[in-house]
Amino acid sequence: MKTALVCIDIYTVNEGDTLYSISEKYDVPVSLLMRINCIDDPYNLRIGTKLCIPGTEEQLPGNRPEPYKTHTVIPGDTLYLIAKKHGIKLDSLMRANPDIDPYNLLIGTELRIPG
């Protein structure tokens, strides 16, 4: 039995985005992003376009317990050091916090640490 896909998030395309970078950010295959969003030309993404990020119903916010703990940024923290401290890969930390600018980490920011 196949699991039905639902739209678990809406992503607005920004300057510099590619389908590949969006697929990496959300851990979704490019081909699935193209199919679910009716994209014929992956090289013609327009800034401001809203994309459905597909997933299963269990992945919808509120349908699952939070699979992460948090870390509050302190002076001297970098994403690399935080990932190392928590024993996770840097890319996992970045995927769990897609809105964080790794070059401008603000003290007091709460980061999600994947479990």
PDB file of N, CA and C in Angstrom:
ATOM      1  N   MET A   1       0.836  -1.189   0.000  1.00  0.00           N
ATOM      2  CA  MET A   1       0.000   0.000   0.000  1.00  0.00           C
ATOM      3  C   MET A   1       0.877   1.247   0.000  1.00  0.00           C
ATOM      4  N   LYS A   2       0.652   2.139  -0.940  1.00  0.00           N
ATOM      5  CA  LYS A   2       1.434   3.369  -1.022  1.00  0.00           C
ATOM      6  C   LYS A   2       0.926   4.385  -0.002  1.00  0.00           C
ATOM      7  N   THR A   3       1.874   5.158   0.540  1.00  0.00           N
ATOM      8  CA  THR A   3       1.521   6.229   1.456  1.00  0.00           C
ATOM      9  C   THR A   3       1.183   7.468   0.641  1.00  0.00           C
ATOM     10  N   ALA A   4       0.054   8.098   0.957  1.00  0.00           N
ATOM     11  CA  ALA A   4      -0.353   9.307   0.238  1.00  0.00           C
ATOM     12  C   ALA A   4       0.558  10.469   0.605  1.00  0.00           C
ATOM     13  N   LEU A   5       0.877  11.276  -0.401  1.00  0.00           N
ATOM     14  CA  LEU A   5       1.689  12.464  -0.165  1.00  0.00           C
ATOM     15  C   LEU A   5       0.786  13.659   0.083  1.00  0.00           C
ATOM     16  N   VAL A   6       1.221  14.501   0.999  1.00  0.00           N
ATOM     17  CA  VAL A   6       0.530  15.753   1.282  1.00  0.00           C
ATOM     18  C   VAL A   6       1.555  16.874   1.235  1.00  0.00           C
ATOM     19  N   CYS A   7       1.077  18.083   1.210  1.00  0.00           N
ATOM     20  CA  CYS A   7       1.955  19.247   1.218  1.00  0.00           C
ATOM     21  C   CYS A   7       2.264  19.574   2.683  1.00  0.00           C
ATOM     22  N   ILE A   8       3.513  19.298   3.117  1.00  0.00           N
ATOM     23  CA  ILE A   8       3.859  19.520   4.523  1.00  0.00           C
ATOM     24  C   ILE A   8       4.419  20.912   4.771  1.00  0.00           C
ATOM     25  N   ASP A   9       4.760  21.624   3.698  1.00  0.00           N
ATOM     26  CA  ASP A   9       5.288  22.979   3.831  1.00  0.00           C
ATOM     27  C   ASP A   9       5.144  23.676   2.483  1.00  0.00           C
ATOM     28  N   ILE A  10       5.097  24.996   2.516  1.00  0.00           N
ATOM     29  CA  ILE A  10       5.107  25.804   1.300  1.00  0.00           C
ATOM     30  C   ILE A  10       6.406  26.596   1.324  1.00  0.00           C
ATOM     31  N   TYR A  11       7.179  26.493   0.244  1.00  0.00           N
ATOM     32  CA  TYR A  11       8.455  27.196   0.154  1.00  0.00           C
ATOM     33  C   TYR A  11       8.355  28.249  -0.937  1.00  0.00           C
ATOM     34  N   THR A  12       8.780  29.467  -0.632  1.00  0.00           N
ATOM     35  CA  THR A  12       8.809  30.544  -1.617  1.00  0.00           C
ATOM     36  C   THR A  12      10.215  30.635  -2.198  1.00  0.00           C
ATOM     37  N   VAL A  13      10.318  30.523  -3.511  1.00  0.00           N
ATOM     38  CA  VAL A  13      11.611  30.544  -4.199  1.00  0.00           C
ATOM     39  C   VAL A  13      12.277  31.906  -4.023  1.00  0.00           C
ATOM     40  N   ASN A  14      13.542  31.873  -3.612  1.00  0.00           N
ATOM     41  CA  ASN A  14      14.352  33.073  -3.420  1.00  0.00           C
ATOM     42  C   ASN A  14      15.430  33.152  -4.494  1.00  0.00           C
ATOM     43  N   GLU A  15      16.040  34.328  -4.630  1.00  0.00           N
ATOM     44  CA  GLU A  15      17.139  34.506  -5.569  1.00  0.00           C
ATOM     45  C   GLU A  15      18.246  33.503  -5.247  1.00  0.00           C
ATOM     46  N   GLY A  16      18.753  32.837  -6.263  1.00  0.00           N
ATOM     47  CA  GLY A  16      19.836  31.878  -6.080  1.00  0.00           C
ATOM     48  C   GLY A  16      19.371  30.456  -5.825  1.00  0.00           C
ATOM     49  N   ASP A  17      18.075  30.264  -5.563  1.00  0.00           N
ATOM     50  CA  ASP A  17      17.556  28.915  -5.332  1.00  0.00           C
ATOM     51  C   ASP A  17      17.575  28.101  -6.615  1.00  0.00           C
ATOM     52  N   THR A  18      17.805  26.820  -6.464  1.00  0.00           N
ATOM     53  CA  THR A  18      17.640  25.854  -7.544  1.00  0.00           C
ATOM     54  C   THR A  18      16.771  24.737  -7.001  1.00  0.00           C
ATOM     55  N   LEU A  19      16.191  23.954  -7.888  1.00  0.00           N
ATOM     56  CA  LEU A  19      15.418  22.808  -7.405  1.00  0.00           C
ATOM     57  C   LEU A  19      16.309  21.880  -6.597  1.00  0.00           C
ATOM     58  N   TYR A  20      17.566  21.761  -7.019  1.00  0.00           N
ATOM     59  CA  TYR A  20      18.495  20.899  -6.287  1.00  0.00           C
ATOM     60  C   TYR A  20      18.716  21.424  -4.868  1.00  0.00           C
ATOM     61  N   SER A  21      18.947  22.730  -4.716  1.00  0.00           N
ATOM     62  CA  SER A  21      19.201  23.273  -3.374  1.00  0.00           C
ATOM     63  C   SER A  21      17.967  23.136  -2.487  1.00  0.00           C
ATOM     64  N   ILE A  22      16.787  23.313  -3.068  1.00  0.00           N
ATOM     65  CA  ILE A  22      15.548  23.155  -2.296  1.00  0.00           C
ATOM     66  C   ILE A  22      15.353  21.692  -1.922  1.00  0.00           C
ATOM     67  N   SER A  23      15.659  20.786  -2.858  1.00  0.00           N
ATOM     68  CA  SER A  23      15.509  19.354  -2.569  1.00  0.00           C
ATOM     69  C   SER A  23      16.458  18.920  -1.461  1.00  0.00           C
ATOM     70  N   GLU A  24      17.662  19.477  -1.450  1.00  0.00           N
ATOM     71  CA  GLU A  24      18.631  19.168  -0.390  1.00  0.00           C
ATOM     72  C   GLU A  24      18.149  19.706   0.955  1.00  0.00           C
ATOM     73  N   LYS A  25      17.614  20.909   0.945  1.00  0.00           N
ATOM     74  CA  LYS A  25      17.155  21.554   2.180  1.00  0.00           C
ATOM     75  C   LYS A  25      16.047  20.733   2.841  1.00  0.00           C
ATOM     76  N   TYR A  26      15.150  20.177   2.023  1.00  0.00           N
ATOM     77  CA  TYR A  26      13.996  19.453   2.556  1.00  0.00           C
ATOM     78  C   TYR A  26      14.126  17.935   2.444  1.00  0.00           C
ATOM     79  N   ASP A  27      15.259  17.464   1.915  1.00  0.00           N
ATOM     80  CA  ASP A  27      15.491  16.025   1.769  1.00  0.00           C
ATOM     81  C   ASP A  27      14.378  15.357   0.950  1.00  0.00           C
ATOM     82  N   VAL A  28      14.088  15.970  -0.197  1.00  0.00           N
ATOM     83  CA  VAL A  28      13.057  15.483  -1.114  1.00  0.00           C
ATOM     84  C   VAL A  28      13.694  15.376  -2.496  1.00  0.00           C
ATOM     85  N   PRO A  29      13.492  14.277  -3.229  1.00  0.00           N
ATOM     86  CA  PRO A  29      14.081  14.159  -4.565  1.00  0.00           C
ATOM     87  C   PRO A  29      13.601  15.266  -5.512  1.00  0.00           C
ATOM     88  N   VAL A  30      14.507  15.745  -6.365  1.00  0.00           N
ATOM     89  CA  VAL A  30      14.173  16.775  -7.351  1.00  0.00           C
ATOM     90  C   VAL A  30      13.003  16.308  -8.212  1.00  0.00           C
ATOM     91  N   SER A  31      13.026  15.050  -8.631  1.00  0.00           N
ATOM     92  CA  SER A  31      11.962  14.536  -9.504  1.00  0.00           C
ATOM     93  C   SER A  31      10.594  14.626  -8.829  1.00  0.00           C
ATOM     94  N   LEU A  32      10.544  14.406  -7.515  1.00  0.00           N
ATOM     95  CA  LEU A  32       9.277  14.499  -6.789  1.00  0.00           C
ATOM     96  C   LEU A  32       8.826  15.958  -6.683  1.00  0.00           C
ATOM     97  N   LEU A  33       9.765  16.866  -6.422  1.00  0.00           N
ATOM     98  CA  LEU A  33       9.418  18.299  -6.389  1.00  0.00           C
ATOM     99  C   LEU A  33       8.845  18.732  -7.737  1.00  0.00           C
ATOM    100  N   MET A  34       9.470  18.271  -8.822  1.00  0.00           N
ATOM    101  CA  MET A  34       9.007  18.635 -10.159  1.00  0.00           C
ATOM    102  C   MET A  34       7.605  18.085 -10.409  1.00  0.00           C
ATOM    103  N   ARG A  35       7.393  16.821 -10.051  1.00  0.00           N
ATOM    104  CA  ARG A  35       6.101  16.183 -10.317  1.00  0.00           C
ATOM    105  C   ARG A  35       4.981  16.832  -9.499  1.00  0.00           C
ATOM    106  N   ILE A  36       5.209  17.020  -8.211  1.00  0.00           N
ATOM    107  CA  ILE A  36       4.162  17.526  -7.318  1.00  0.00           C
ATOM    108  C   ILE A  36       3.821  18.988  -7.610  1.00  0.00           C
ATOM    109  N   ASN A  37       4.797  19.741  -8.176  1.00  0.00           N
ATOM    110  CA  ASN A  37       4.584  21.157  -8.469  1.00  0.00           C
ATOM    111  C   ASN A  37       4.393  21.437  -9.959  1.00  0.00           C
ATOM    112  N   CYS A  38       4.231  20.376 -10.758  1.00  0.00           N
ATOM    113  CA  CYS A  38       4.003  20.491 -12.206  1.00  0.00           C
ATOM    114  C   CYS A  38       5.069  21.362 -12.873  1.00  0.00           C
ATOM    115  N   ILE A  39       6.330  21.071 -12.588  1.00  0.00           N
ATOM    116  CA  ILE A  39       7.445  21.826 -13.163  1.00  0.00           C
ATOM    117  C   ILE A  39       8.012  21.038 -14.338  1.00  0.00           C
ATOM    118  N   ASP A  40       8.000  21.656 -15.522  1.00  0.00           N
ATOM    119  CA  ASP A  40       8.543  21.011 -16.714  1.00  0.00           C
ATOM    120  C   ASP A  40      10.017  21.333 -16.905  1.00  0.00           C
ATOM    121  N   ASP A  41      10.395  22.573 -16.610  1.00  0.00           N
ATOM    122  CA  ASP A  41      11.768  23.026 -16.824  1.00  0.00           C
ATOM    123  C   ASP A  41      12.410  23.370 -15.479  1.00  0.00           C
ATOM    124  N   PRO A  42      13.269  22.489 -14.959  1.00  0.00           N
ATOM    125  CA  PRO A  42      13.866  22.727 -13.644  1.00  0.00           C
ATOM    126  C   PRO A  42      14.827  23.911 -13.616  1.00  0.00           C
ATOM    127  N   TYR A  43      15.207  24.414 -14.783  1.00  0.00           N
ATOM    128  CA  TYR A  43      16.150  25.529 -14.852  1.00  0.00           C
ATOM    129  C   TYR A  43      15.443  26.881 -14.984  1.00  0.00           C
ATOM    130  N   ASN A  44      14.117  26.869 -14.926  1.00  0.00           N
ATOM    131  CA  ASN A  44      13.357  28.105 -15.088  1.00  0.00           C
ATOM    132  C   ASN A  44      12.510  28.374 -13.844  1.00  0.00           C
ATOM    133  N   LEU A  45      13.158  28.401 -12.667  1.00  0.00           N
ATOM    134  CA  LEU A  45      12.458  28.722 -11.420  1.00  0.00           C
ATOM    135  C   LEU A  45      12.347  30.232 -11.297  1.00  0.00           C
ATOM    136  N   ARG A  46      11.194  30.713 -10.938  1.00  0.00           N
ATOM    137  CA  ARG A  46      11.004  32.160 -10.802  1.00  0.00           C
ATOM    138  C   ARG A  46      10.960  32.553  -9.332  1.00  0.00           C
ATOM    139  N   ILE A  47      11.665  33.621  -9.010  1.00  0.00           N
ATOM    140  CA  ILE A  47      11.662  34.146  -7.649  1.00  0.00           C
ATOM    141  C   ILE A  47      10.221  34.466  -7.261  1.00  0.00           C
ATOM    142  N   GLY A  48       9.844  34.052  -6.057  1.00  0.00           N
ATOM    143  CA  GLY A  48       8.492  34.304  -5.564  1.00  0.00           C
ATOM    144  C   GLY A  48       7.527  33.159  -5.794  1.00  0.00           C
ATOM    145  N   THR A  49       7.912  32.193  -6.648  1.00  0.00           N
ATOM    146  CA  THR A  49       7.064  31.032  -6.881  1.00  0.00           C
ATOM    147  C   THR A  49       6.926  30.248  -5.581  1.00  0.00           C
ATOM    148  N   LYS A  50       5.707  29.808  -5.287  1.00  0.00           N
ATOM    149  CA  LYS A  50       5.472  29.015  -4.085  1.00  0.00           C
ATOM    150  C   LYS A  50       5.461  27.541  -4.474  1.00  0.00           C
ATOM    151  N   LEU A  51       6.287  26.758  -3.791  1.00  0.00           N
ATOM    152  CA  LEU A  51       6.385  25.332  -4.071  1.00  0.00           C
ATOM    153  C   LEU A  51       5.827  24.523  -2.912  1.00  0.00           C
ATOM    154  N   CYS A  52       5.100  23.484  -3.252  1.00  0.00           N
ATOM    155  CA  CYS A  52       4.630  22.526  -2.255  1.00  0.00           C
ATOM    156  C   CYS A  52       5.793  21.594  -1.931  1.00  0.00           C
ATOM    157  N   ILE A  53       6.085  21.438  -0.644  1.00  0.00           N
ATOM    158  CA  ILE A  53       7.099  20.479  -0.204  1.00  0.00           C
ATOM    159  C   ILE A  53       6.345  19.222   0.218  1.00  0.00           C
ATOM    160  N   PRO A  54       6.504  18.138  -0.543  1.00  0.00           N
ATOM    161  CA  PRO A  54       5.719  16.940  -0.270  1.00  0.00           C
ATOM    162  C   PRO A  54       6.280  16.110   0.881  1.00  0.00           C
ATOM    163  N   GLY A  55       5.384  15.406   1.525  1.00  0.00           N
ATOM    164  CA  GLY A  55       5.754  14.480   2.593  1.00  0.00           C
ATOM    165  C   GLY A  55       4.536  13.644   2.938  1.00  0.00           C
ATOM    166  N   THR A  56       4.647  12.889   4.003  1.00  0.00           N
ATOM    167  CA  THR A  56       3.525  12.065   4.439  1.00  0.00           C
ATOM    168  C   THR A  56       2.720  12.813   5.493  1.00  0.00           C
ATOM    169  N   GLU A  57       1.505  12.368   5.717  1.00  0.00           N
ATOM    170  CA  GLU A  57       0.641  13.019   6.698  1.00  0.00           C
ATOM    171  C   GLU A  57       1.282  13.025   8.085  1.00  0.00           C
ATOM    172  N   GLU A  58       2.048  11.990   8.395  1.00  0.00           N
ATOM    173  CA  GLU A  58       2.718  11.917   9.694  1.00  0.00           C
ATOM    174  C   GLU A  58       3.753  13.026   9.856  1.00  0.00           C
ATOM    175  N   GLN A  59       4.235  13.579   8.747  1.00  0.00           N
ATOM    176  CA  GLN A  59       5.240  14.634   8.795  1.00  0.00           C
ATOM    177  C   GLN A  59       4.639  16.019   8.996  1.00  0.00           C
ATOM    178  N   LEU A  60       3.318  16.120   8.928  1.00  0.00           N
ATOM    179  CA  LEU A  60       2.685  17.419   9.125  1.00  0.00           C
ATOM    180  C   LEU A  60       2.937  17.915  10.539  1.00  0.00           C
ATOM    181  N   PRO A  61       3.206  19.211  10.690  1.00  0.00           N
ATOM    182  CA  PRO A  61       3.391  19.753  12.038  1.00  0.00           C
ATOM    183  C   PRO A  61       2.167  19.455  12.895  1.00  0.00           C
ATOM    184  N   GLY A  62       2.402  19.037  14.123  1.00  0.00           N
ATOM    185  CA  GLY A  62       1.313  18.714  15.032  1.00  0.00           C
ATOM    186  C   GLY A  62       0.912  17.252  14.998  1.00  0.00           C
ATOM    187  N   ASN A  63       1.356  16.512  13.984  1.00  0.00           N
ATOM    188  CA  ASN A  63       1.014  15.096  13.881  1.00  0.00           C
ATOM    189  C   ASN A  63       2.098  14.183  14.424  1.00  0.00           C
ATOM    190  N   ARG A  64       3.151  14.770  14.939  1.00  0.00           N
ATOM    191  CA  ARG A  64       4.240  13.951  15.457  1.00  0.00           C
ATOM    192  C   ARG A  64       4.915  14.699  16.597  1.00  0.00           C
ATOM    193  N   PRO A  65       5.522  13.963  17.489  1.00  0.00           N
ATOM    194  CA  PRO A  65       6.251  14.644  18.556  1.00  0.00           C
ATOM    195  C   PRO A  65       7.473  15.342  17.972  1.00  0.00           C
ATOM    196  N   GLU A  66       7.905  16.395  18.617  1.00  0.00           N
ATOM    197  CA  GLU A  66       9.084  17.110  18.149  1.00  0.00           C
ATOM    198  C   GLU A  66      10.299  16.188  18.234  1.00  0.00           C
ATOM    199  N   PRO A  67      10.944  15.884  17.088  1.00  0.00           N
ATOM    200  CA  PRO A  67      12.071  14.949  17.091  1.00  0.00           C
ATOM    201  C   PRO A  67      13.401  15.651  17.351  1.00  0.00           C
ATOM    202  N   TYR A  68      13.369  16.711  18.119  1.00  0.00           N
ATOM    203  CA  TYR A  68      14.609  17.437  18.356  1.00  0.00           C
ATOM    204  C   TYR A  68      14.605  18.074  19.735  1.00  0.00           C
ATOM    205  N   LYS A  69      15.802  18.402  20.185  1.00  0.00           N
ATOM    206  CA  LYS A  69      15.947  19.227  21.380  1.00  0.00           C
ATOM    207  C   LYS A  69      16.414  20.591  20.887  1.00  0.00           C
ATOM    208  N   THR A  70      16.647  21.529  21.786  1.00  0.00           N
ATOM    209  CA  THR A  70      17.055  22.860  21.350  1.00  0.00           C
ATOM    210  C   THR A  70      18.408  23.239  21.938  1.00  0.00           C
ATOM    211  N   HIS A  71      19.038  24.195  21.296  1.00  0.00           N
ATOM    212  CA  HIS A  71      20.308  24.765  21.754  1.00  0.00           C
ATOM    213  C   HIS A  71      20.194  26.274  21.584  1.00  0.00           C
ATOM    214  N   THR A  72      20.492  27.020  22.636  1.00  0.00           N
ATOM    215  CA  THR A  72      20.481  28.478  22.560  1.00  0.00           C
ATOM    216  C   THR A  72      21.891  28.960  22.250  1.00  0.00           C
ATOM    217  N   VAL A  73      22.020  29.743  21.194  1.00  0.00           N
ATOM    218  CA  VAL A  73      23.322  30.232  20.738  1.00  0.00           C
ATOM    219  C   VAL A  73      23.935  31.158  21.794  1.00  0.00           C
ATOM    220  N   ILE A  74      25.211  30.894  22.102  1.00  0.00           N
ATOM    221  CA  ILE A  74      25.965  31.714  23.048  1.00  0.00           C
ATOM    222  C   ILE A  74      27.170  32.314  22.322  1.00  0.00           C
ATOM    223  N   PRO A  75      27.804  33.330  22.902  1.00  0.00           N
ATOM    224  CA  PRO A  75      28.976  33.921  22.246  1.00  0.00           C
ATOM    225  C   PRO A  75      30.031  32.855  21.928  1.00  0.00           C
ATOM    226  N   GLY A  76      30.572  32.908  20.725  1.00  0.00           N
ATOM    227  CA  GLY A  76      31.600  31.964  20.299  1.00  0.00           C
ATOM    228  C   GLY A  76      31.061  30.746  19.568  1.00  0.00           C
ATOM    229  N   ASP A  77      29.743  30.540  19.608  1.00  0.00           N
ATOM    230  CA  ASP A  77      29.148  29.395  18.917  1.00  0.00           C
ATOM    231  C   ASP A  77      29.250  29.557  17.404  1.00  0.00           C
ATOM    232  N   THR A  78      29.475  28.446  16.729  1.00  0.00           N
ATOM    233  CA  THR A  78      29.337  28.348  15.276  1.00  0.00           C
ATOM    234  C   THR A  78      28.484  27.120  15.028  1.00  0.00           C
ATOM    235  N   LEU A  79      27.886  27.015  13.858  1.00  0.00           N
ATOM    236  CA  LEU A  79      27.085  25.826  13.564  1.00  0.00           C
ATOM    237  C   LEU A  79      27.944  24.571  13.648  1.00  0.00           C
ATOM    238  N   TYR A  80      29.191  24.666  13.192  1.00  0.00           N
ATOM    239  CA  TYR A  80      30.090  23.516  13.249  1.00  0.00           C
ATOM    240  C   TYR A  80      30.302  23.070  14.697  1.00  0.00           C
ATOM    241  N   LEU A  81      30.599  24.018  15.590  1.00  0.00           N
ATOM    242  CA  LEU A  81      30.850  23.671  16.994  1.00  0.00           C
ATOM    243  C   LEU A  81      29.595  23.121  17.672  1.00  0.00           C
ATOM    244  N   ILE A  82      28.439  23.681  17.336  1.00  0.00           N
ATOM    245  CA  ILE A  82      27.180  23.197  17.915  1.00  0.00           C
ATOM    246  C   ILE A  82      26.909  21.770  17.449  1.00  0.00           C
ATOM    247  N   ALA A  83      27.106  21.510  16.150  1.00  0.00           N
ATOM    248  CA  ALA A  83      26.904  20.154  15.619  1.00  0.00           C
ATOM    249  C   ALA A  83      27.852  19.175  16.303  1.00  0.00           C
ATOM    250  N   LYS A  84      29.110  19.570  16.434  1.00  0.00           N
ATOM    251  CA  LYS A  84      30.108  18.710  17.071  1.00  0.00           C
ATOM    252  C   LYS A  84      29.732  18.433  18.527  1.00  0.00           C
ATOM    253  N   LYS A  85      29.305  19.464  19.242  1.00  0.00           N
ATOM    254  CA  LYS A  85      28.931  19.328  20.656  1.00  0.00           C
ATOM    255  C   LYS A  85      27.790  18.328  20.836  1.00  0.00           C
ATOM    256  N   HIS A  86      26.851  18.320  19.897  1.00  0.00           N
ATOM    257  CA  HIS A  86      25.677  17.457  20.012  1.00  0.00           C
ATOM    258  C   HIS A  86      25.840  16.132  19.261  1.00  0.00           C
ATOM    259  N   GLY A  87      27.009  15.920  18.655  1.00  0.00           N
ATOM    260  CA  GLY A  87      27.281  14.648  17.988  1.00  0.00           C
ATOM    261  C   GLY A  87      26.457  14.415  16.734  1.00  0.00           C
ATOM    262  N   ILE A  88      26.172  15.487  16.007  1.00  0.00           N
ATOM    263  CA  ILE A  88      25.407  15.349  14.763  1.00  0.00           C
ATOM    264  C   ILE A  88      26.206  15.954  13.614  1.00  0.00           C
ATOM    265  N   LYS A  89      25.782  15.643  12.388  1.00  0.00           N
ATOM    266  CA  LYS A  89      26.450  16.201  11.213  1.00  0.00           C
ATOM    267  C   LYS A  89      25.988  17.638  10.995  1.00  0.00           C
ATOM    268  N   LEU A  90      26.902  18.450  10.480  1.00  0.00           N
ATOM    269  CA  LEU A  90      26.602  19.853  10.213  1.00  0.00           C
ATOM    270  C   LEU A  90      25.416  19.998   9.266  1.00  0.00           C
ATOM    271  N   ASP A  91      25.358  19.172   8.212  1.00  0.00           N
ATOM    272  CA  ASP A  91      24.247  19.306   7.265  1.00  0.00           C
ATOM    273  C   ASP A  91      22.910  18.961   7.909  1.00  0.00           C
ATOM    274  N   SER A  92      22.898  18.035   8.893  1.00  0.00           N
ATOM    275  CA  SER A  92      21.657  17.719   9.611  1.00  0.00           C
ATOM    276  C   SER A  92      21.190  18.918  10.422  1.00  0.00           C
ATOM    277  N   LEU A  93      22.139  19.583  11.076  1.00  0.00           N
ATOM    278  CA  LEU A  93      21.812  20.777  11.857  1.00  0.00           C
ATOM    279  C   LEU A  93      21.269  21.875  10.942  1.00  0.00           C
ATOM    280  N   MET A  94      21.885  22.050   9.785  1.00  0.00           N
ATOM    281  CA  MET A  94      21.445  23.093   8.852  1.00  0.00           C
ATOM    282  C   MET A  94      20.064  22.771   8.268  1.00  0.00           C
ATOM    283  N   ARG A  95      19.789  21.488   7.982  1.00  0.00           N
ATOM    284  CA  ARG A  95      18.469  21.106   7.467  1.00  0.00           C
ATOM    285  C   ARG A  95      17.385  21.314   8.516  1.00  0.00           C
ATOM    286  N   ALA A  96      17.730  21.111   9.793  1.00  0.00           N
ATOM    287  CA  ALA A  96      16.750  21.295  10.870  1.00  0.00           C
ATOM    288  C   ALA A  96      16.471  22.771  11.134  1.00  0.00           C
ATOM    289  N   ASN A  97      17.338  23.642  10.628  1.00  0.00           N
ATOM    290  CA  ASN A  97      17.218  25.086  10.860  1.00  0.00           C
ATOM    291  C   ASN A  97      17.376  25.854   9.548  1.00  0.00           C
ATOM    292  N   PRO A  98      16.479  25.640   8.575  1.00  0.00           N
ATOM    293  CA  PRO A  98      16.670  26.220   7.247  1.00  0.00           C
ATOM    294  C   PRO A  98      16.613  27.744   7.203  1.00  0.00           C
ATOM    295  N   ASP A  99      16.048  28.374   8.220  1.00  0.00           N
ATOM    296  CA  ASP A  99      15.931  29.836   8.200  1.00  0.00           C
ATOM    297  C   ASP A  99      17.118  30.537   8.843  1.00  0.00           C
ATOM    298  N   ILE A 100      18.091  29.778   9.334  1.00  0.00           N
ATOM    299  CA  ILE A 100      19.247  30.358  10.020  1.00  0.00           C
ATOM    300  C   ILE A 100      20.334  30.707   9.004  1.00  0.00           C
ATOM    301  N   ASP A 101      20.878  31.900   9.114  1.00  0.00           N
ATOM    302  CA  ASP A 101      22.007  32.315   8.285  1.00  0.00           C
ATOM    303  C   ASP A 101      23.282  31.852   8.986  1.00  0.00           C
ATOM    304  N   PRO A 102      23.996  30.866   8.439  1.00  0.00           N
ATOM    305  CA  PRO A 102      25.176  30.330   9.123  1.00  0.00           C
ATOM    306  C   PRO A 102      26.298  31.347   9.282  1.00  0.00           C
ATOM    307  N   TYR A 103      26.248  32.429   8.518  1.00  0.00           N
ATOM    308  CA  TYR A 103      27.294  33.445   8.602  1.00  0.00           C
ATOM    309  C   TYR A 103      26.908  34.600   9.523  1.00  0.00           C
ATOM    310  N   ASN A 104      25.693  34.554  10.055  1.00  0.00           N
ATOM    311  CA  ASN A 104      25.221  35.611  10.943  1.00  0.00           C
ATOM    312  C   ASN A 104      24.400  34.975  12.061  1.00  0.00           C
ATOM    313  N   LEU A 105      25.058  34.150  12.865  1.00  0.00           N
ATOM    314  CA  LEU A 105      24.410  33.429  13.954  1.00  0.00           C
ATOM    315  C   LEU A 105      24.228  34.382  15.131  1.00  0.00           C
ATOM    316  N   LEU A 106      22.984  34.652  15.477  1.00  0.00           N
ATOM    317  CA  LEU A 106      22.692  35.641  16.509  1.00  0.00           C
ATOM    318  C   LEU A 106      22.635  35.007  17.896  1.00  0.00           C
ATOM    319  N   ILE A 107      23.301  35.630  18.855  1.00  0.00           N
ATOM    320  CA  ILE A 107      23.293  35.162  20.240  1.00  0.00           C
ATOM    321  C   ILE A 107      21.850  35.160  20.736  1.00  0.00           C
ATOM    322  N   GLY A 108      21.471  34.071  21.410  1.00  0.00           N
ATOM    323  CA  GLY A 108      20.118  33.938  21.939  1.00  0.00           C
ATOM    324  C   GLY A 108      19.171  33.195  21.020  1.00  0.00           C
ATOM    325  N   THR A 109      19.585  32.959  19.773  1.00  0.00           N
ATOM    326  CA  THR A 109      18.749  32.217  18.828  1.00  0.00           C
ATOM    327  C   THR A 109      18.618  30.777  19.298  1.00  0.00           C
ATOM    328  N   GLU A 110      17.393  30.234  19.249  1.00  0.00           N
ATOM    329  CA  GLU A 110      17.181  28.830  19.595  1.00  0.00           C
ATOM    330  C   GLU A 110      17.264  27.995  18.330  1.00  0.00           C
ATOM    331  N   LEU A 111      18.168  27.034  18.325  1.00  0.00           N
ATOM    332  CA  LEU A 111      18.331  26.123  17.193  1.00  0.00           C
ATOM    333  C   LEU A 111      17.702  24.784  17.527  1.00  0.00           C
ATOM    334  N   ARG A 112      17.151  24.124  16.516  1.00  0.00           N
ATOM    335  CA  ARG A 112      16.633  22.765  16.679  1.00  0.00           C
ATOM    336  C   ARG A 112      17.793  21.792  16.474  1.00  0.00           C
ATOM    337  N   ILE A 113      17.937  20.857  17.406  1.00  0.00           N
ATOM    338  CA  ILE A 113      18.970  19.827  17.319  1.00  0.00           C
ATOM    339  C   ILE A 113      18.259  18.509  17.013  1.00  0.00           C
ATOM    340  N   PRO A 114      18.442  17.960  15.805  1.00  0.00           N
ATOM    341  CA  PRO A 114      17.757  16.712  15.456  1.00  0.00           C
ATOM    342  C   PRO A 114      18.178  15.572  16.377  1.00  0.00           C
ATOM    343  N   GLY A 115      17.215  14.683  16.654  1.00  0.00           N
ATOM    344  CA  GLY A 115      17.472  13.558  17.563  1.00  0.00           C
ATOM    345  C   GLY A 115      18.033  12.362  16.897  1.00  0.00           C
TER     346      GLY A 115
END
